[in-house]
Amino acid sequence: MADSSSLFPGAQFISTVLETLEKKTEMSGTLARVYLMRAGMAGAIIGIMYLTEFAVFAAFGHGELEGIGHFVGAATFGFALVFIYFSKSELLTSNMMIVSIGRYYKAVSFLRGLRLLALCYAGNFVGGLAIALAVAGSTLGAGDIGDSISSTVDTKLAYVSGGAAGWSDLFIRAILCNLMINLGMLMIYNGMIKNDLMKALAMISTVFVFAFVGFEHSVANTVLFTIAAFQGGLEWGLALGNLAIVLVGNLIGGGLLIGWYYAYANDDRRHLARKAR
């Protein structure tokens, strides 16, 4: 008869996530200021890499090379998750998976998990706000880069103003976005990838997919809308509607379709109980 480790090969993934969750919940409780600082750094990284992506778009222009510019820009943005991971910063979307697994195994209460996610999102926003203020006080968002920012914001707001069809489109893009993000994190946490270079490649490739295809990321959108608000105004109702839909979609994609799914698929407790009978 096959042993439990061969039937449930994700045991290391689950144990690593639960250990990580324990550290995060303690930090978000007793060291909340430090936790906010780590989350702030993640928001700042997202903002800087978003600007870099727009700079790549601008460098390639809107002619025959536009498609290549889009490809290179998406690949460049992929480094954001690498920088966040190796700098030990805190990103909301990957924490959605971690908290969901913790809830499945009752390793964290609902309120403590919610506190962790709320603090993380607040820190991500503050970090993005710092970059938005830097852009507003400089020429970083001028010219073609500013045009790309405005065009991207218009596209994201159009999903909300487009009615039910647009909301559904946005929701699906948000689900697939965090499914891809946390698929990358699953490969990091499951212990199969030992080399840091390969870890970086896994993260870059999963972020590239969401950036290139046009999936929707709640933190990236929050930072982008904050930059746009200082650039020339923002339709706040549509922006908040976008964020509400994308946050729920990201939670389903990363929290349920990766976190809860793999928590259940690697739960050997029922199997061991049946063997014991």
C-alpha atoms as a PDB file:
ATOM      1  CA  MET A   1       0.000   0.000   0.000  1.00  0.00           C
ATOM      2  CA  ALA A   2       1.291   3.461  -0.908  1.00  0.00           C
ATOM      3  CA  ASP A   3       2.487   5.569   2.005  1.00  0.00           C
ATOM      4  CA  SER A   4       1.013   8.942   2.878  1.00  0.00           C
ATOM      5  CA  SER A   5       3.963  10.951   1.538  1.00  0.00           C
ATOM      6  CA  SER A   6       3.528   9.546  -1.976  1.00  0.00           C
ATOM      7  CA  LEU A   7      -0.230  10.088  -1.968  1.00  0.00           C
ATOM      8  CA  PHE A   8       0.052  13.637  -0.588  1.00  0.00           C
ATOM      9  CA  PRO A   9       3.289  15.034  -2.063  1.00  0.00           C
ATOM     10  CA  GLY A  10       2.450  18.617  -1.146  1.00  0.00           C
ATOM     11  CA  ALA A  11       3.073  18.113   2.556  1.00  0.00           C
ATOM     12  CA  GLN A  12       6.184  20.293   2.465  1.00  0.00           C
ATOM     13  CA  PHE A  13       4.273  23.048   0.690  1.00  0.00           C
ATOM     14  CA  ILE A  14       1.610  23.062   3.399  1.00  0.00           C
ATOM     15  CA  SER A  15       4.092  22.932   6.280  1.00  0.00           C
ATOM     16  CA  THR A  16       6.177  25.755   4.770  1.00  0.00           C
ATOM     17  CA  VAL A  17       3.095  27.918   4.274  1.00  0.00           C
ATOM     18  CA  LEU A  18       1.854  27.304   7.824  1.00  0.00           C
ATOM     19  CA  GLU A  19       5.279  28.135   9.243  1.00  0.00           C
ATOM     20  CA  THR A  20       5.350  31.307   7.152  1.00  0.00           C
ATOM     21  CA  LEU A  21       1.845  32.197   8.312  1.00  0.00           C
ATOM     22  CA  GLU A  22       2.854  31.861  11.954  1.00  0.00           C
ATOM     23  CA  LYS A  23       5.626  34.426  11.462  1.00  0.00           C
ATOM     24  CA  LYS A  24       3.350  36.786   9.549  1.00  0.00           C
ATOM     25  CA  THR A  25       0.538  36.683  12.109  1.00  0.00           C
ATOM     26  CA  GLU A  26       2.963  37.322  14.947  1.00  0.00           C
ATOM     27  CA  MET A  27       4.545  40.229  13.102  1.00  0.00           C
ATOM     28  CA  SER A  28       1.198  41.750  12.109  1.00  0.00           C
ATOM     29  CA  GLY A  29       0.190  41.598  15.781  1.00  0.00           C
ATOM     30  CA  THR A  30       3.185  42.469  17.958  1.00  0.00           C
ATOM     31  CA  LEU A  31       5.284  44.190  15.277  1.00  0.00           C
ATOM     32  CA  ALA A  32       2.544  45.832  13.241  1.00  0.00           C
ATOM     33  CA  ARG A  33       4.683  48.870  12.399  1.00  0.00           C
ATOM     34  CA  VAL A  34       7.440  46.694  10.952  1.00  0.00           C
ATOM     35  CA  TYR A  35       4.884  44.627   9.080  1.00  0.00           C
ATOM     36  CA  LEU A  36       3.414  47.795   7.555  1.00  0.00           C
ATOM     37  CA  MET A  37       6.908  48.867   6.518  1.00  0.00           C
ATOM     38  CA  ARG A  38       7.462  45.553   4.743  1.00  0.00           C
ATOM     39  CA  ALA A  39       4.109  45.872   3.014  1.00  0.00           C
ATOM     40  CA  GLY A  40       4.943  49.460   2.103  1.00  0.00           C
ATOM     41  CA  MET A  41       8.105  48.301   0.367  1.00  0.00           C
ATOM     42  CA  ALA A  42       6.092  45.843  -1.721  1.00  0.00           C
ATOM     43  CA  GLY A  43       3.749  48.640  -2.818  1.00  0.00           C
ATOM     44  CA  ALA A  44       6.708  50.833  -3.726  1.00  0.00           C
ATOM     45  CA  ILE A  45       8.284  48.016  -5.742  1.00  0.00           C
ATOM     46  CA  ILE A  46       5.027  47.513  -7.634  1.00  0.00           C
ATOM     47  CA  GLY A  47       4.907  51.238  -8.405  1.00  0.00           C
ATOM     48  CA  ILE A  48       8.499  51.436  -9.611  1.00  0.00           C
ATOM     49  CA  MET A  49       8.199  48.356 -11.791  1.00  0.00           C
ATOM     50  CA  TYR A  50       4.892  49.586 -13.243  1.00  0.00           C
ATOM     51  CA  LEU A  51       6.628  52.828 -14.222  1.00  0.00           C
ATOM     52  CA  THR A  52       9.430  50.786 -15.752  1.00  0.00           C
ATOM     53  CA  GLU A  53       6.918  48.784 -17.782  1.00  0.00           C
ATOM     54  CA  PHE A  54       5.375  52.003 -19.106  1.00  0.00           C
ATOM     55  CA  ALA A  55       8.849  53.338 -19.911  1.00  0.00           C
ATOM     56  CA  VAL A  56       9.497  50.195 -21.975  1.00  0.00           C
ATOM     57  CA  PHE A  57       6.212  50.724 -23.832  1.00  0.00           C
ATOM     58  CA  ALA A  58       7.219  54.304 -24.570  1.00  0.00           C
ATOM     59  CA  ALA A  59      10.680  53.271 -25.777  1.00  0.00           C
ATOM     60  CA  PHE A  60       9.248  50.897 -28.386  1.00  0.00           C
ATOM     61  CA  GLY A  61       6.525  53.303 -29.487  1.00  0.00           C
ATOM     62  CA  HIS A  62       3.257  52.524 -31.285  1.00  0.00           C
ATOM     63  CA  GLY A  63       4.585  51.351 -34.639  1.00  0.00           C
ATOM     64  CA  GLU A  64       5.688  47.938 -35.809  1.00  0.00           C
ATOM     65  CA  LEU A  65       7.612  47.358 -32.586  1.00  0.00           C
ATOM     66  CA  GLU A  66       4.626  47.920 -30.301  1.00  0.00           C
ATOM     67  CA  GLY A  67       4.027  44.202 -29.830  1.00  0.00           C
ATOM     68  CA  ILE A  68       7.654  43.611 -28.901  1.00  0.00           C
ATOM     69  CA  GLY A  69       7.468  46.514 -26.465  1.00  0.00           C
ATOM     70  CA  HIS A  70       4.434  44.952 -24.823  1.00  0.00           C
ATOM     71  CA  PHE A  71       6.278  41.624 -24.540  1.00  0.00           C
ATOM     72  CA  VAL A  72       9.436  43.154 -23.070  1.00  0.00           C
ATOM     73  CA  GLY A  73       7.448  45.405 -20.745  1.00  0.00           C
ATOM     74  CA  ALA A  74       5.487  42.465 -19.331  1.00  0.00           C
ATOM     75  CA  ALA A  75       8.702  40.500 -18.824  1.00  0.00           C
ATOM     76  CA  THR A  76      10.239  43.481 -17.041  1.00  0.00           C
ATOM     77  CA  PHE A  77       7.267  43.800 -14.709  1.00  0.00           C
ATOM     78  CA  GLY A  78       7.773  40.139 -13.838  1.00  0.00           C
ATOM     79  CA  PHE A  79      10.805  41.125 -11.768  1.00  0.00           C
ATOM     80  CA  ALA A  80       8.491  42.900  -9.296  1.00  0.00           C
ATOM     81  CA  LEU A  81       7.586  39.622  -7.569  1.00  0.00           C
ATOM     82  CA  VAL A  82      11.256  38.604  -7.469  1.00  0.00           C
ATOM     83  CA  PHE A  83      12.232  41.839  -5.730  1.00  0.00           C
ATOM     84  CA  ILE A  84       9.316  41.498  -3.304  1.00  0.00           C
ATOM     85  CA  TYR A  85      10.157  37.895  -2.445  1.00  0.00           C
ATOM     86  CA  PHE A  86      13.882  38.307  -1.941  1.00  0.00           C
ATOM     87  CA  SER A  87      13.516  41.597  -0.030  1.00  0.00           C
ATOM     88  CA  LYS A  88      11.093  39.847   2.369  1.00  0.00           C
ATOM     89  CA  SER A  89       8.391  42.389   1.576  1.00  0.00           C
ATOM     90  CA  GLU A  90       4.684  41.709   2.064  1.00  0.00           C
ATOM     91  CA  LEU A  91       2.247  41.532  -0.853  1.00  0.00           C
ATOM     92  CA  LEU A  92      -1.506  41.186  -0.367  1.00  0.00           C
ATOM     93  CA  THR A  93      -2.190  38.766  -3.201  1.00  0.00           C
ATOM     94  CA  SER A  94       0.265  36.067  -2.120  1.00  0.00           C
ATOM     95  CA  ASN A  95      -0.879  36.460   1.483  1.00  0.00           C
ATOM     96  CA  MET A  96      -4.409  35.631   0.330  1.00  0.00           C
ATOM     97  CA  MET A  97      -3.193  32.111  -0.431  1.00  0.00           C
ATOM     98  CA  ILE A  98      -1.277  31.813   2.842  1.00  0.00           C
ATOM     99  CA  VAL A  99      -4.177  32.980   5.023  1.00  0.00           C
ATOM    100  CA  SER A 100      -6.639  30.720   3.183  1.00  0.00           C
ATOM    101  CA  ILE A 101      -4.472  27.668   3.864  1.00  0.00           C
ATOM    102  CA  GLY A 102      -4.176  28.765   7.474  1.00  0.00           C
ATOM    103  CA  ARG A 103      -7.964  29.009   7.763  1.00  0.00           C
ATOM    104  CA  TYR A 104      -8.400  25.547   6.254  1.00  0.00           C
ATOM    105  CA  TYR A 105      -6.078  24.027   8.864  1.00  0.00           C
ATOM    106  CA  LYS A 106      -7.447  26.324  11.600  1.00  0.00           C
ATOM    107  CA  ALA A 107      -3.972  27.741  12.154  1.00  0.00           C
ATOM    108  CA  VAL A 108      -5.308  31.306  12.244  1.00  0.00           C
ATOM    109  CA  SER A 109      -8.621  32.779  13.325  1.00  0.00           C
ATOM    110  CA  PHE A 110     -10.824  34.617  10.854  1.00  0.00           C
ATOM    111  CA  LEU A 111     -10.219  37.956  12.565  1.00  0.00           C
ATOM    112  CA  ARG A 112      -6.432  37.550  12.777  1.00  0.00           C
ATOM    113  CA  GLY A 113      -6.296  36.485   9.153  1.00  0.00           C
ATOM    114  CA  LEU A 114      -8.427  39.451   8.155  1.00  0.00           C
ATOM    115  CA  ARG A 115      -6.196  41.773  10.208  1.00  0.00           C
ATOM    116  CA  LEU A 116      -3.110  40.443   8.454  1.00  0.00           C
ATOM    117  CA  LEU A 117      -4.619  41.018   5.007  1.00  0.00           C
ATOM    118  CA  ALA A 118      -5.973  44.471   5.912  1.00  0.00           C
ATOM    119  CA  LEU A 119      -2.613  45.629   7.306  1.00  0.00           C
ATOM    120  CA  CYS A 120      -0.849  44.258   4.248  1.00  0.00           C
ATOM    121  CA  TYR A 121      -3.171  46.080   1.852  1.00  0.00           C
ATOM    122  CA  ALA A 122      -2.823  49.299   3.863  1.00  0.00           C
ATOM    123  CA  GLY A 123       0.959  49.036   3.675  1.00  0.00           C
ATOM    124  CA  ASN A 124       0.867  48.254  -0.046  1.00  0.00           C
ATOM    125  CA  PHE A 125      -1.235  51.388  -0.558  1.00  0.00           C
ATOM    126  CA  VAL A 126       1.129  53.586   1.450  1.00  0.00           C
ATOM    127  CA  GLY A 127       4.115  52.330  -0.537  1.00  0.00           C
ATOM    128  CA  GLY A 128       2.300  53.010  -3.784  1.00  0.00           C
ATOM    129  CA  LEU A 129       1.298  56.447  -2.495  1.00  0.00           C
ATOM    130  CA  ALA A 130       4.962  57.301  -1.924  1.00  0.00           C
ATOM    131  CA  ILE A 131       5.743  56.451  -5.557  1.00  0.00           C
ATOM    132  CA  ALA A 132       2.694  58.389  -6.745  1.00  0.00           C
ATOM    133  CA  LEU A 133       3.933  61.481  -4.878  1.00  0.00           C
ATOM    134  CA  ALA A 134       7.397  61.009  -6.393  1.00  0.00           C
ATOM    135  CA  VAL A 135       5.881  60.835  -9.878  1.00  0.00           C
ATOM    136  CA  ALA A 136       3.748  63.922  -9.200  1.00  0.00           C
ATOM    137  CA  GLY A 137       6.830  65.863  -8.115  1.00  0.00           C
ATOM    138  CA  SER A 138       8.931  64.915 -11.130  1.00  0.00           C
ATOM    139  CA  THR A 139       8.738  64.299 -14.874  1.00  0.00           C
ATOM    140  CA  LEU A 140       8.688  60.519 -14.440  1.00  0.00           C
ATOM    141  CA  GLY A 141       5.076  60.379 -15.616  1.00  0.00           C
ATOM    142  CA  ALA A 142       5.383  62.884 -18.444  1.00  0.00           C
ATOM    143  CA  GLY A 143       5.171  62.413 -22.210  1.00  0.00           C
ATOM    144  CA  ASP A 144       4.578  58.965 -23.659  1.00  0.00           C
ATOM    145  CA  ILE A 145       4.796  57.347 -20.214  1.00  0.00           C
ATOM    146  CA  GLY A 146       1.937  59.533 -19.011  1.00  0.00           C
ATOM    147  CA  ASP A 147      -0.065  58.678 -22.106  1.00  0.00           C
ATOM    148  CA  SER A 148       0.435  54.956 -21.414  1.00  0.00           C
ATOM    149  CA  ILE A 149      -0.672  55.424 -17.806  1.00  0.00           C
ATOM    150  CA  SER A 150      -3.827  57.275 -18.892  1.00  0.00           C
ATOM    151  CA  SER A 151      -4.636  54.691 -21.553  1.00  0.00           C
ATOM    152  CA  THR A 152      -4.214  51.804 -19.119  1.00  0.00           C
ATOM    153  CA  VAL A 153      -6.359  53.495 -16.478  1.00  0.00           C
ATOM    154  CA  ASP A 154      -9.085  54.154 -19.071  1.00  0.00           C
ATOM    155  CA  THR A 155      -9.069  50.477 -20.043  1.00  0.00           C
ATOM    156  CA  LYS A 156      -9.391  49.343 -16.433  1.00  0.00           C
ATOM    157  CA  LEU A 157     -12.216  51.793 -15.679  1.00  0.00           C
ATOM    158  CA  ALA A 158     -14.059  50.815 -18.858  1.00  0.00           C
ATOM    159  CA  TYR A 159     -14.627  47.329 -17.435  1.00  0.00           C
ATOM    160  CA  VAL A 160     -16.701  48.884 -14.650  1.00  0.00           C
ATOM    161  CA  SER A 161     -18.576  51.384 -16.799  1.00  0.00           C
ATOM    162  CA  GLY A 162     -19.348  48.617 -19.302  1.00  0.00           C
ATOM    163  CA  GLY A 163     -22.027  47.038 -17.124  1.00  0.00           C
ATOM    164  CA  ALA A 164     -22.453  43.361 -16.288  1.00  0.00           C
ATOM    165  CA  ALA A 165     -20.368  42.122 -19.242  1.00  0.00           C
ATOM    166  CA  GLY A 166     -17.474  44.348 -18.194  1.00  0.00           C
ATOM    167  CA  TRP A 167     -17.754  43.313 -14.549  1.00  0.00           C
ATOM    168  CA  SER A 168     -17.664  39.642 -15.524  1.00  0.00           C
ATOM    169  CA  ASP A 169     -14.642  40.229 -17.759  1.00  0.00           C
ATOM    170  CA  LEU A 170     -12.833  42.060 -14.963  1.00  0.00           C
ATOM    171  CA  PHE A 171     -13.757  39.402 -12.400  1.00  0.00           C
ATOM    172  CA  ILE A 172     -12.421  36.542 -14.530  1.00  0.00           C
ATOM    173  CA  ARG A 173      -9.197  38.442 -15.243  1.00  0.00           C
ATOM    174  CA  ALA A 174      -8.761  39.008 -11.494  1.00  0.00           C
ATOM    175  CA  ILE A 175      -9.291  35.325 -10.696  1.00  0.00           C
ATOM    176  CA  LEU A 176      -6.769  34.185 -13.298  1.00  0.00           C
ATOM    177  CA  CYS A 177      -4.273  36.824 -12.206  1.00  0.00           C
ATOM    178  CA  ASN A 178      -3.912  35.607  -8.643  1.00  0.00           C
ATOM    179  CA  LEU A 179      -4.156  31.989  -9.699  1.00  0.00           C
ATOM    180  CA  MET A 180      -0.992  32.574 -11.740  1.00  0.00           C
ATOM    181  CA  ILE A 181       0.754  34.603  -9.026  1.00  0.00           C
ATOM    182  CA  ASN A 182       0.195  31.938  -6.411  1.00  0.00           C
ATOM    183  CA  LEU A 183       0.970  29.103  -8.777  1.00  0.00           C
ATOM    184  CA  GLY A 184       4.435  30.647  -8.890  1.00  0.00           C
ATOM    185  CA  MET A 185       4.539  30.911  -5.088  1.00  0.00           C
ATOM    186  CA  LEU A 186       3.393  27.289  -4.796  1.00  0.00           C
ATOM    187  CA  MET A 187       6.417  26.221  -6.828  1.00  0.00           C
ATOM    188  CA  ILE A 188       8.653  28.265  -4.511  1.00  0.00           C
ATOM    189  CA  TYR A 189       7.167  26.916  -1.287  1.00  0.00           C
ATOM    190  CA  ASN A 190       6.866  23.244  -2.255  1.00  0.00           C
ATOM    191  CA  GLY A 191      10.622  22.693  -2.072  1.00  0.00           C
ATOM    192  CA  MET A 192      11.007  21.301  -5.580  1.00  0.00           C
ATOM    193  CA  ILE A 193      12.973  24.336  -6.798  1.00  0.00           C
ATOM    194  CA  LYS A 194      16.241  24.638  -4.877  1.00  0.00           C
ATOM    195  CA  ASN A 195      18.139  27.165  -6.991  1.00  0.00           C
ATOM    196  CA  ASP A 196      17.472  30.884  -6.459  1.00  0.00           C
ATOM    197  CA  LEU A 197      17.844  31.584 -10.171  1.00  0.00           C
ATOM    198  CA  MET A 198      15.145  29.055 -10.997  1.00  0.00           C
ATOM    199  CA  LYS A 199      12.927  30.511  -8.269  1.00  0.00           C
ATOM    200  CA  ALA A 200      13.316  33.922  -9.865  1.00  0.00           C
ATOM    201  CA  LEU A 201      12.515  32.490 -13.294  1.00  0.00           C
ATOM    202  CA  ALA A 202       9.360  30.827 -11.944  1.00  0.00           C
ATOM    203  CA  MET A 203       8.151  34.106 -10.459  1.00  0.00           C
ATOM    204  CA  ILE A 204       9.018  36.162 -13.541  1.00  0.00           C
ATOM    205  CA  SER A 205       7.191  33.749 -15.831  1.00  0.00           C
ATOM    206  CA  THR A 206       3.969  33.697 -13.799  1.00  0.00           C
ATOM    207  CA  VAL A 207       3.855  37.500 -13.493  1.00  0.00           C
ATOM    208  CA  PHE A 208       4.681  37.814 -17.196  1.00  0.00           C
ATOM    209  CA  VAL A 209       1.571  35.799 -18.034  1.00  0.00           C
ATOM    210  CA  PHE A 210      -0.748  38.092 -16.096  1.00  0.00           C
ATOM    211  CA  ALA A 211       0.938  41.285 -17.312  1.00  0.00           C
ATOM    212  CA  PHE A 212       1.094  40.238 -20.970  1.00  0.00           C
ATOM    213  CA  VAL A 213      -2.380  38.746 -21.236  1.00  0.00           C
ATOM    214  CA  GLY A 214      -4.010  41.570 -19.282  1.00  0.00           C
ATOM    215  CA  PHE A 215      -5.142  39.962 -16.033  1.00  0.00           C
ATOM    216  CA  GLU A 216      -6.089  42.219 -13.119  1.00  0.00           C
ATOM    217  CA  HIS A 217      -4.057  42.617  -9.909  1.00  0.00           C
ATOM    218  CA  SER A 218      -5.587  44.503  -6.980  1.00  0.00           C
ATOM    219  CA  VAL A 219      -2.364  45.997  -5.596  1.00  0.00           C
ATOM    220  CA  ALA A 220      -1.034  46.974  -9.031  1.00  0.00           C
ATOM    221  CA  ASN A 221      -4.370  48.639  -9.815  1.00  0.00           C
ATOM    222  CA  THR A 222      -4.376  50.453  -6.465  1.00  0.00           C
ATOM    223  CA  VAL A 223      -0.914  51.856  -7.119  1.00  0.00           C
ATOM    224  CA  LEU A 224      -1.771  52.761 -10.719  1.00  0.00           C
ATOM    225  CA  PHE A 225      -4.972  54.577  -9.708  1.00  0.00           C
ATOM    226  CA  THR A 226      -3.067  56.462  -7.008  1.00  0.00           C
ATOM    227  CA  ILE A 227      -0.503  57.637  -9.573  1.00  0.00           C
ATOM    228  CA  ALA A 228      -3.282  58.620 -11.989  1.00  0.00           C
ATOM    229  CA  ALA A 229      -5.092  60.589  -9.274  1.00  0.00           C
ATOM    230  CA  PHE A 230      -2.083  62.900  -8.941  1.00  0.00           C
ATOM    231  CA  GLN A 231      -1.507  63.037 -12.691  1.00  0.00           C
ATOM    232  CA  GLY A 232      -4.788  64.555 -13.777  1.00  0.00           C
ATOM    233  CA  GLY A 233      -7.662  63.300 -11.731  1.00  0.00           C
ATOM    234  CA  LEU A 234      -9.487  60.000 -11.411  1.00  0.00           C
ATOM    235  CA  GLU A 235     -13.081  58.810 -11.633  1.00  0.00           C
ATOM    236  CA  TRP A 236     -13.163  57.561  -8.077  1.00  0.00           C
ATOM    237  CA  GLY A 237     -16.437  55.678  -8.307  1.00  0.00           C
ATOM    238  CA  LEU A 238     -15.260  53.585 -11.231  1.00  0.00           C
ATOM    239  CA  ALA A 239     -11.820  53.086  -9.671  1.00  0.00           C
ATOM    240  CA  LEU A 240     -13.269  51.872  -6.363  1.00  0.00           C
ATOM    241  CA  GLY A 241     -15.657  49.613  -8.265  1.00  0.00           C
ATOM    242  CA  ASN A 242     -12.711  48.136 -10.137  1.00  0.00           C
ATOM    243  CA  LEU A 243     -10.815  47.482  -6.913  1.00  0.00           C
ATOM    244  CA  ALA A 244     -13.807  45.875  -5.207  1.00  0.00           C
ATOM    245  CA  ILE A 245     -14.314  43.413  -8.065  1.00  0.00           C
ATOM    246  CA  VAL A 246     -10.608  42.690  -8.468  1.00  0.00           C
ATOM    247  CA  LEU A 247     -10.051  42.123  -4.744  1.00  0.00           C
ATOM    248  CA  VAL A 248     -12.795  39.493  -4.658  1.00  0.00           C
ATOM    249  CA  GLY A 249     -11.506  37.891  -7.871  1.00  0.00           C
ATOM    250  CA  ASN A 250      -7.938  37.800  -6.559  1.00  0.00           C
ATOM    251  CA  LEU A 251      -9.160  36.210  -3.317  1.00  0.00           C
ATOM    252  CA  ILE A 252     -10.921  33.472  -5.264  1.00  0.00           C
ATOM    253  CA  GLY A 253      -7.992  32.878  -7.620  1.00  0.00           C
ATOM    254  CA  GLY A 254      -5.257  32.797  -5.006  1.00  0.00           C
ATOM    255  CA  GLY A 255      -7.166  32.014  -1.832  1.00  0.00           C
ATOM    256  CA  LEU A 256      -9.582  29.365  -3.070  1.00  0.00           C
ATOM    257  CA  LEU A 257      -8.297  27.948  -6.374  1.00  0.00           C
ATOM    258  CA  ILE A 258      -4.710  27.676  -5.129  1.00  0.00           C
ATOM    259  CA  GLY A 259      -4.781  27.968  -1.319  1.00  0.00           C
ATOM    260  CA  TRP A 260      -7.929  26.073  -0.370  1.00  0.00           C
ATOM    261  CA  TYR A 261      -7.626  23.672  -3.311  1.00  0.00           C
ATOM    262  CA  TYR A 262      -4.103  22.539  -2.444  1.00  0.00           C
ATOM    263  CA  ALA A 263      -4.827  22.545   1.279  1.00  0.00           C
ATOM    264  CA  TYR A 264      -7.619  20.024   0.667  1.00  0.00           C
ATOM    265  CA  ALA A 265      -5.632  18.030  -1.901  1.00  0.00           C
ATOM    266  CA  ASN A 266      -2.764  17.595   0.572  1.00  0.00           C
ATOM    267  CA  ASP A 267      -4.811  16.959   3.702  1.00  0.00           C
ATOM    268  CA  ASP A 268      -3.863  13.436   4.727  1.00  0.00           C
ATOM    269  CA  ARG A 269      -5.847  13.422   7.973  1.00  0.00           C
ATOM    270  CA  ARG A 270      -8.874  11.603   6.542  1.00  0.00           C
ATOM    271  CA  HIS A 271      -6.619   9.066   4.808  1.00  0.00           C
ATOM    272  CA  LEU A 272      -4.696   8.345   8.008  1.00  0.00           C
ATOM    273  CA  ALA A 273      -7.948   8.057   9.977  1.00  0.00           C
ATOM    274  CA  ARG A 274      -9.285   5.465   7.505  1.00  0.00           C
ATOM    275  CA  LYS A 275      -6.054   3.479   7.710  1.00  0.00           C
ATOM    276  CA  ALA A 276      -6.247   3.517  11.490  1.00  0.00           C
ATOM    277  CA  ARG A 277      -9.734   1.972  11.478  1.00  0.00           C
END
